[in-house]
Amino acid sequence: MKKVKFLLLSLFFFVIILSNNSFGETFDFTSNHIKLENNETLTNEYGYPVLRVTNNTDKELDVTYSFYINKTDSSHHFNNFIIKPKEEILLKIPELSHLGSTGETRTIWFSWDEEDRMKPLQNQIETIPFKANSTPDSQLGLNY
């Protein structure tokens, strides 16, 4: 009986108490702050990664994102955007269109600051494989 009580109290501690502090938030802060999703339909339509970014907070966030354009060199791409409270945006990343011909993916890192936080929050997402656009090349304004 003591073991059962101990297990129940332990479960209560981890579920209730830790979920209400910053340590508990690290289990899944994506759903608490920013949600990141690959948009498969638009990625395949455009021929480059398109991500759906949702701000789940009631504060405006200045979000920085970065990724390596090529795995073999150090060409690191940085950019940022501001997302309003409860807003959802589509983040288009045409710089990675070359991945369509190889079927490779890239990790995209996100970070943002919030008030009363000592360090920025972070998250990442892996792009999905997609096919390169098969739009014909044009020369002198004519499509061949």
N, C-alpha and C. Protein backbone atom coordinates (compact mmCIF):
# COMPACT_ATOMS: atom_id res chain seq x y z
N MET A 1 0.82 -1.20 0.00
CA MET A 1 0.00 0.00 0.00
C MET A 1 0.86 1.26 0.00
N LYS A 2 1.99 1.21 0.72
CA LYS A 2 2.88 2.37 0.76
C LYS A 2 3.48 2.64 -0.61
N LYS A 3 3.76 1.58 -1.36
CA LYS A 3 4.33 1.75 -2.69
C LYS A 3 3.32 2.43 -3.62
N VAL A 4 2.07 2.06 -3.50
CA VAL A 4 1.02 2.66 -4.33
C VAL A 4 0.89 4.14 -4.01
N LYS A 5 0.88 4.49 -2.73
CA LYS A 5 0.79 5.90 -2.33
C LYS A 5 1.99 6.68 -2.84
N PHE A 6 3.17 6.07 -2.72
CA PHE A 6 4.38 6.73 -3.19
C PHE A 6 4.30 6.99 -4.70
N LEU A 7 3.86 5.99 -5.45
CA LEU A 7 3.73 6.15 -6.90
C LEU A 7 2.71 7.22 -7.26
N LEU A 8 1.59 7.24 -6.56
CA LEU A 8 0.57 8.26 -6.83
C LEU A 8 1.07 9.65 -6.49
N LEU A 9 1.76 9.80 -5.38
CA LEU A 9 2.32 11.11 -5.02
C LEU A 9 3.39 11.55 -6.00
N SER A 10 4.21 10.60 -6.45
CA SER A 10 5.23 10.93 -7.45
C SER A 10 4.59 11.38 -8.75
N LEU A 11 3.58 10.68 -9.18
CA LEU A 11 2.86 11.06 -10.39
C LEU A 11 2.24 12.44 -10.24
N PHE A 12 1.62 12.70 -9.11
CA PHE A 12 1.04 14.01 -8.84
C PHE A 12 2.11 15.09 -8.92
N PHE A 13 3.25 14.85 -8.32
CA PHE A 13 4.34 15.82 -8.31
C PHE A 13 4.79 16.16 -9.72
N PHE A 14 5.03 15.16 -10.55
CA PHE A 14 5.53 15.41 -11.90
C PHE A 14 4.47 16.00 -12.82
N VAL A 15 3.25 15.59 -12.68
CA VAL A 15 2.20 16.08 -13.57
C VAL A 15 1.71 17.46 -13.18
N ILE A 16 1.41 17.67 -11.92
CA ILE A 16 0.80 18.92 -11.48
C ILE A 16 1.83 19.99 -11.17
N ILE A 17 2.78 19.68 -10.34
CA ILE A 17 3.70 20.71 -9.87
C ILE A 17 4.69 21.10 -10.96
N LEU A 18 5.34 20.15 -11.60
CA LEU A 18 6.35 20.50 -12.59
C LEU A 18 5.76 21.08 -13.86
N SER A 19 4.52 20.79 -14.16
CA SER A 19 3.92 21.34 -15.37
C SER A 19 3.63 22.82 -15.24
N ASN A 20 3.66 23.38 -14.04
CA ASN A 20 3.36 24.80 -13.84
C ASN A 20 4.59 25.66 -13.65
N ASN A 21 5.77 25.12 -13.84
CA ASN A 21 6.97 25.95 -13.74
C ASN A 21 7.79 25.83 -15.01
N SER A 22 8.89 26.57 -15.07
CA SER A 22 9.68 26.59 -16.29
C SER A 22 10.30 25.23 -16.59
N PHE A 23 10.62 24.45 -15.57
CA PHE A 23 11.16 23.12 -15.82
C PHE A 23 10.12 22.24 -16.50
N GLY A 24 8.91 22.30 -16.05
CA GLY A 24 7.85 21.51 -16.65
C GLY A 24 7.55 21.93 -18.07
N GLU A 25 7.73 23.21 -18.38
CA GLU A 25 7.45 23.69 -19.73
C GLU A 25 8.42 23.13 -20.75
N THR A 26 9.61 22.74 -20.32
CA THR A 26 10.58 22.24 -21.28
C THR A 26 10.18 20.90 -21.87
N PHE A 27 9.22 20.21 -21.27
CA PHE A 27 8.78 18.95 -21.84
C PHE A 27 8.17 19.17 -23.22
N ASP A 28 7.38 20.20 -23.38
CA ASP A 28 6.75 20.47 -24.67
C ASP A 28 6.39 21.95 -24.75
N PHE A 29 7.40 22.81 -24.88
CA PHE A 29 7.07 24.22 -24.95
C PHE A 29 6.61 24.63 -26.32
N THR A 30 6.71 23.76 -27.30
CA THR A 30 6.21 24.09 -28.62
C THR A 30 4.71 24.38 -28.57
N SER A 31 3.97 23.55 -27.89
CA SER A 31 2.53 23.76 -27.82
C SER A 31 2.18 24.93 -26.91
N ASN A 32 3.08 25.29 -25.99
CA ASN A 32 2.81 26.40 -25.09
C ASN A 32 3.20 27.75 -25.68
N HIS A 33 4.13 27.77 -26.62
CA HIS A 33 4.64 29.03 -27.14
C HIS A 33 4.47 29.12 -28.66
N ILE A 34 5.28 28.37 -29.37
CA ILE A 34 5.22 28.39 -30.84
C ILE A 34 5.05 26.97 -31.35
N LYS A 35 4.11 26.81 -32.25
CA LYS A 35 3.88 25.51 -32.88
C LYS A 35 4.47 25.56 -34.28
N LEU A 36 5.24 24.55 -34.65
CA LEU A 36 5.88 24.47 -35.96
C LEU A 36 5.38 23.23 -36.68
N GLU A 37 4.95 23.41 -37.94
CA GLU A 37 4.47 22.28 -38.73
C GLU A 37 4.93 22.44 -40.17
N ASN A 38 5.26 21.33 -40.81
CA ASN A 38 5.51 21.34 -42.25
C ASN A 38 4.17 21.38 -42.97
N ASN A 39 4.06 22.20 -44.00
CA ASN A 39 2.86 22.23 -44.83
C ASN A 39 3.18 21.44 -46.09
N GLU A 40 2.82 20.18 -46.09
CA GLU A 40 3.19 19.27 -47.18
C GLU A 40 2.61 19.71 -48.52
N THR A 41 1.36 20.13 -48.53
CA THR A 41 0.71 20.53 -49.78
C THR A 41 1.42 21.71 -50.43
N LEU A 42 1.66 22.78 -49.66
CA LEU A 42 2.32 23.96 -50.22
C LEU A 42 3.79 23.71 -50.52
N THR A 43 4.45 22.87 -49.73
CA THR A 43 5.85 22.53 -50.01
C THR A 43 5.96 21.87 -51.37
N ASN A 44 5.09 20.93 -51.66
CA ASN A 44 5.13 20.26 -52.96
C ASN A 44 4.68 21.17 -54.09
N GLU A 45 3.75 22.08 -53.81
CA GLU A 45 3.27 23.01 -54.83
C GLU A 45 4.36 24.02 -55.21
N TYR A 46 5.02 24.59 -54.22
CA TYR A 46 6.04 25.62 -54.48
C TYR A 46 7.40 25.04 -54.84
N GLY A 47 7.70 23.84 -54.41
CA GLY A 47 9.01 23.25 -54.69
C GLY A 47 10.08 23.70 -53.73
N TYR A 48 9.69 24.14 -52.55
CA TYR A 48 10.62 24.47 -51.46
C TYR A 48 9.85 24.38 -50.15
N PRO A 49 10.56 24.27 -49.02
CA PRO A 49 9.87 24.09 -47.74
C PRO A 49 8.96 25.27 -47.37
N VAL A 50 7.76 24.94 -46.92
CA VAL A 50 6.81 25.92 -46.39
C VAL A 50 6.39 25.40 -45.02
N LEU A 51 6.58 26.25 -44.01
CA LEU A 51 6.25 25.87 -42.63
C LEU A 51 5.09 26.71 -42.13
N ARG A 52 4.25 26.10 -41.32
CA ARG A 52 3.18 26.82 -40.64
C ARG A 52 3.67 27.11 -39.22
N VAL A 53 3.73 28.40 -38.87
CA VAL A 53 4.21 28.82 -37.56
C VAL A 53 3.05 29.49 -36.83
N THR A 54 2.74 29.01 -35.64
CA THR A 54 1.62 29.54 -34.85
C THR A 54 2.14 30.04 -33.52
N ASN A 55 1.79 31.29 -33.18
CA ASN A 55 2.12 31.87 -31.88
C ASN A 55 0.98 31.54 -30.93
N ASN A 56 1.24 30.69 -29.97
CA ASN A 56 0.21 30.28 -29.01
C ASN A 56 0.15 31.17 -27.78
N THR A 57 0.94 32.23 -27.75
CA THR A 57 0.98 33.11 -26.58
C THR A 57 0.08 34.31 -26.80
N ASP A 58 -0.04 35.14 -25.77
CA ASP A 58 -0.79 36.38 -25.89
C ASP A 58 0.16 37.57 -26.02
N LYS A 59 1.39 37.30 -26.49
CA LYS A 59 2.40 38.34 -26.67
C LYS A 59 2.97 38.29 -28.08
N GLU A 60 3.37 39.44 -28.58
CA GLU A 60 4.06 39.50 -29.86
C GLU A 60 5.46 38.95 -29.67
N LEU A 61 5.91 38.10 -30.59
CA LEU A 61 7.22 37.49 -30.47
C LEU A 61 8.10 37.85 -31.66
N ASP A 62 9.35 38.16 -31.39
CA ASP A 62 10.35 38.38 -32.43
C ASP A 62 11.12 37.06 -32.56
N VAL A 63 10.91 36.37 -33.66
CA VAL A 63 11.44 35.02 -33.85
C VAL A 63 12.60 35.06 -34.84
N THR A 64 13.69 34.42 -34.47
CA THR A 64 14.84 34.27 -35.35
C THR A 64 14.92 32.81 -35.77
N TYR A 65 15.19 32.59 -37.06
CA TYR A 65 15.36 31.21 -37.51
C TYR A 65 16.63 31.10 -38.34
N SER A 66 17.19 29.91 -38.37
CA SER A 66 18.44 29.70 -39.11
C SER A 66 18.51 28.26 -39.59
N PHE A 67 19.33 28.07 -40.64
CA PHE A 67 19.53 26.74 -41.20
C PHE A 67 20.78 26.77 -42.06
N TYR A 68 21.33 25.59 -42.31
CA TYR A 68 22.45 25.46 -43.23
C TYR A 68 21.90 25.25 -44.62
N ILE A 69 22.37 26.03 -45.57
CA ILE A 69 21.92 25.88 -46.95
C ILE A 69 22.46 24.57 -47.52
N ASN A 70 23.74 24.31 -47.31
CA ASN A 70 24.36 23.06 -47.74
C ASN A 70 24.96 22.37 -46.53
N LYS A 71 24.87 21.05 -46.50
CA LYS A 71 25.43 20.31 -45.36
C LYS A 71 26.95 20.32 -45.36
N THR A 72 27.56 20.47 -46.53
CA THR A 72 29.01 20.32 -46.63
C THR A 72 29.79 21.60 -46.36
N ASP A 73 29.13 22.74 -46.30
CA ASP A 73 29.87 23.97 -46.00
C ASP A 73 29.21 24.70 -44.84
N SER A 74 29.76 25.83 -44.51
CA SER A 74 29.26 26.55 -43.33
C SER A 74 28.35 27.72 -43.71
N SER A 75 27.72 27.67 -44.87
CA SER A 75 26.83 28.75 -45.27
C SER A 75 25.55 28.67 -44.45
N HIS A 76 25.50 29.47 -43.42
CA HIS A 76 24.41 29.46 -42.46
C HIS A 76 23.49 30.64 -42.77
N HIS A 77 22.22 30.39 -42.94
CA HIS A 77 21.25 31.44 -43.26
C HIS A 77 20.51 31.85 -41.99
N PHE A 78 20.48 33.15 -41.71
CA PHE A 78 19.74 33.70 -40.57
C PHE A 78 18.68 34.65 -41.08
N ASN A 79 17.53 34.66 -40.42
CA ASN A 79 16.49 35.63 -40.73
C ASN A 79 15.58 35.73 -39.51
N ASN A 80 14.70 36.71 -39.51
CA ASN A 80 13.76 36.83 -38.40
C ASN A 80 12.44 37.39 -38.89
N PHE A 81 11.42 37.25 -38.05
CA PHE A 81 10.10 37.79 -38.33
C PHE A 81 9.41 38.05 -37.01
N ILE A 82 8.39 38.89 -37.05
CA ILE A 82 7.58 39.17 -35.87
C ILE A 82 6.23 38.50 -36.08
N ILE A 83 5.78 37.81 -35.06
CA ILE A 83 4.49 37.14 -35.14
C ILE A 83 3.62 37.64 -33.99
N LYS A 84 2.42 38.07 -34.35
CA LYS A 84 1.50 38.65 -33.37
C LYS A 84 0.86 37.56 -32.50
N PRO A 85 0.27 37.95 -31.38
CA PRO A 85 -0.37 36.97 -30.50
C PRO A 85 -1.45 36.17 -31.23
N LYS A 86 -1.43 34.88 -31.03
CA LYS A 86 -2.42 33.94 -31.59
C LYS A 86 -2.45 33.93 -33.11
N GLU A 87 -1.41 34.46 -33.74
CA GLU A 87 -1.35 34.53 -35.20
C GLU A 87 -0.70 33.27 -35.77
N GLU A 88 -1.10 32.93 -36.98
CA GLU A 88 -0.51 31.81 -37.71
C GLU A 88 0.01 32.36 -39.03
N ILE A 89 1.27 32.06 -39.36
CA ILE A 89 1.84 32.52 -40.62
C ILE A 89 2.42 31.34 -41.38
N LEU A 90 2.61 31.55 -42.68
CA LEU A 90 3.31 30.58 -43.50
C LEU A 90 4.71 31.12 -43.75
N LEU A 91 5.70 30.35 -43.39
CA LEU A 91 7.10 30.72 -43.59
C LEU A 91 7.62 29.97 -44.80
N LYS A 92 7.89 30.72 -45.87
CA LYS A 92 8.37 30.12 -47.12
C LYS A 92 9.89 30.22 -47.14
N ILE A 93 10.55 29.12 -47.53
CA ILE A 93 12.01 29.07 -47.50
C ILE A 93 12.53 28.64 -48.88
N PRO A 94 12.50 29.55 -49.87
CA PRO A 94 12.95 29.20 -51.21
C PRO A 94 14.46 28.93 -51.30
N GLU A 95 15.22 29.38 -50.30
CA GLU A 95 16.67 29.13 -50.29
C GLU A 95 16.99 27.64 -50.25
N LEU A 96 16.01 26.83 -49.88
CA LEU A 96 16.23 25.38 -49.80
C LEU A 96 15.57 24.62 -50.96
N SER A 97 15.26 25.31 -52.04
CA SER A 97 14.60 24.65 -53.17
C SER A 97 15.48 23.56 -53.79
N HIS A 98 16.80 23.69 -53.66
CA HIS A 98 17.71 22.68 -54.23
C HIS A 98 17.55 21.31 -53.57
N LEU A 99 16.91 21.24 -52.41
CA LEU A 99 16.71 19.95 -51.74
C LEU A 99 15.72 19.06 -52.49
N GLY A 100 14.88 19.67 -53.33
CA GLY A 100 13.89 18.89 -54.07
C GLY A 100 14.50 17.90 -55.03
N SER A 101 15.67 18.21 -55.57
CA SER A 101 16.31 17.30 -56.52
C SER A 101 17.06 16.17 -55.83
N THR A 102 17.33 16.31 -54.53
CA THR A 102 18.09 15.29 -53.82
C THR A 102 17.26 14.49 -52.82
N GLY A 103 16.10 15.02 -52.44
CA GLY A 103 15.28 14.35 -51.43
C GLY A 103 15.80 14.53 -50.02
N GLU A 104 16.79 15.40 -49.85
CA GLU A 104 17.36 15.65 -48.52
C GLU A 104 16.42 16.53 -47.70
N THR A 105 16.70 16.59 -46.41
CA THR A 105 15.97 17.47 -45.51
C THR A 105 16.97 18.36 -44.78
N ARG A 106 16.48 19.39 -44.12
CA ARG A 106 17.32 20.28 -43.31
C ARG A 106 16.63 20.54 -41.99
N THR A 107 17.44 20.74 -40.97
CA THR A 107 16.93 21.18 -39.68
C THR A 107 16.89 22.70 -39.68
N ILE A 108 15.77 23.26 -39.22
CA ILE A 108 15.62 24.71 -39.10
C ILE A 108 15.44 25.00 -37.62
N TRP A 109 16.31 25.87 -37.10
CA TRP A 109 16.29 26.22 -35.68
C TRP A 109 15.57 27.54 -35.49
N PHE A 110 14.75 27.61 -34.47
CA PHE A 110 14.00 28.81 -34.11
C PHE A 110 14.35 29.22 -32.69
N SER A 111 14.42 30.52 -32.45
CA SER A 111 14.59 31.02 -31.08
C SER A 111 13.82 32.32 -30.94
N TRP A 112 13.38 32.61 -29.73
CA TRP A 112 12.63 33.83 -29.45
C TRP A 112 12.77 34.17 -27.98
N ASP A 113 12.65 35.45 -27.68
CA ASP A 113 12.72 35.93 -26.30
C ASP A 113 11.32 36.20 -25.78
N GLU A 114 11.16 36.00 -24.49
CA GLU A 114 9.92 36.37 -23.82
C GLU A 114 10.28 37.13 -22.55
N GLU A 115 9.38 38.00 -22.14
CA GLU A 115 9.60 38.75 -20.91
C GLU A 115 9.79 37.79 -19.74
N ASP A 116 10.57 38.23 -18.77
CA ASP A 116 10.82 37.47 -17.54
C ASP A 116 11.52 36.14 -17.78
N ARG A 117 12.22 36.02 -18.89
CA ARG A 117 12.99 34.81 -19.17
C ARG A 117 14.46 35.19 -19.22
N MET A 118 15.30 34.38 -18.61
CA MET A 118 16.73 34.65 -18.59
C MET A 118 17.39 34.36 -19.93
N LYS A 119 16.88 33.39 -20.66
CA LYS A 119 17.49 33.02 -21.93
C LYS A 119 16.39 32.80 -22.96
N PRO A 120 16.74 32.87 -24.23
CA PRO A 120 15.72 32.66 -25.26
C PRO A 120 15.20 31.23 -25.28
N LEU A 121 13.97 31.10 -25.70
CA LEU A 121 13.38 29.78 -25.91
C LEU A 121 13.78 29.30 -27.30
N GLN A 122 13.84 28.00 -27.47
CA GLN A 122 14.28 27.46 -28.75
C GLN A 122 13.44 26.25 -29.14
N ASN A 123 13.41 26.01 -30.43
CA ASN A 123 12.79 24.81 -30.96
C ASN A 123 13.37 24.57 -32.34
N GLN A 124 13.13 23.41 -32.89
CA GLN A 124 13.61 23.10 -34.23
C GLN A 124 12.61 22.19 -34.92
N ILE A 125 12.73 22.16 -36.24
CA ILE A 125 11.88 21.29 -37.05
C ILE A 125 12.71 20.79 -38.22
N GLU A 126 12.46 19.58 -38.63
CA GLU A 126 13.11 18.99 -39.79
C GLU A 126 12.17 19.16 -40.98
N THR A 127 12.71 19.68 -42.10
CA THR A 127 11.87 19.82 -43.29
C THR A 127 11.52 18.43 -43.82
N ILE A 128 10.49 18.37 -44.63
CA ILE A 128 10.09 17.09 -45.22
C ILE A 128 10.68 16.98 -46.62
N PRO A 129 10.93 15.76 -47.11
CA PRO A 129 11.39 15.60 -48.49
C PRO A 129 10.30 16.04 -49.47
N PHE A 130 10.71 16.59 -50.59
CA PHE A 130 9.75 17.03 -51.60
C PHE A 130 10.39 16.90 -52.97
N LYS A 131 9.57 17.00 -53.99
CA LYS A 131 10.07 16.92 -55.37
C LYS A 131 10.31 18.32 -55.91
N ALA A 132 11.35 18.45 -56.72
CA ALA A 132 11.66 19.74 -57.34
C ALA A 132 10.54 20.11 -58.31
N ASN A 133 10.31 21.41 -58.44
CA ASN A 133 9.32 21.87 -59.42
C ASN A 133 9.76 21.47 -60.81
N SER A 134 8.83 21.05 -61.62
CA SER A 134 9.15 20.64 -62.99
C SER A 134 8.75 21.71 -63.99
N THR A 135 8.84 22.98 -63.55
CA THR A 135 8.52 24.09 -64.44
C THR A 135 9.60 24.19 -65.51
N PRO A 136 9.23 24.24 -66.79
CA PRO A 136 10.25 24.32 -67.83
C PRO A 136 11.01 25.63 -67.77
N ASP A 137 12.30 25.56 -68.13
CA ASP A 137 13.11 26.77 -68.19
C ASP A 137 12.67 27.62 -69.37
N SER A 138 12.83 28.92 -69.23
CA SER A 138 12.47 29.80 -70.34
C SER A 138 13.71 30.52 -70.83
N GLN A 139 13.74 30.76 -72.14
CA GLN A 139 14.83 31.51 -72.75
C GLN A 139 14.20 32.61 -73.58
N LEU A 140 14.69 33.82 -73.40
CA LEU A 140 14.19 34.98 -74.13
C LEU A 140 12.69 35.14 -73.99
N GLY A 141 12.17 34.78 -72.85
CA GLY A 141 10.75 34.96 -72.58
C GLY A 141 9.86 33.89 -73.18
N LEU A 142 10.42 32.91 -73.87
CA LEU A 142 9.62 31.85 -74.47
C LEU A 142 9.82 30.57 -73.69
N ASN A 143 8.75 29.84 -73.46
CA ASN A 143 8.85 28.55 -72.79
C ASN A 143 9.03 27.45 -73.82
N TYR A 144 10.00 26.60 -73.60
CA TYR A 144 10.25 25.49 -74.52
C TYR A 144 9.84 24.20 -73.90
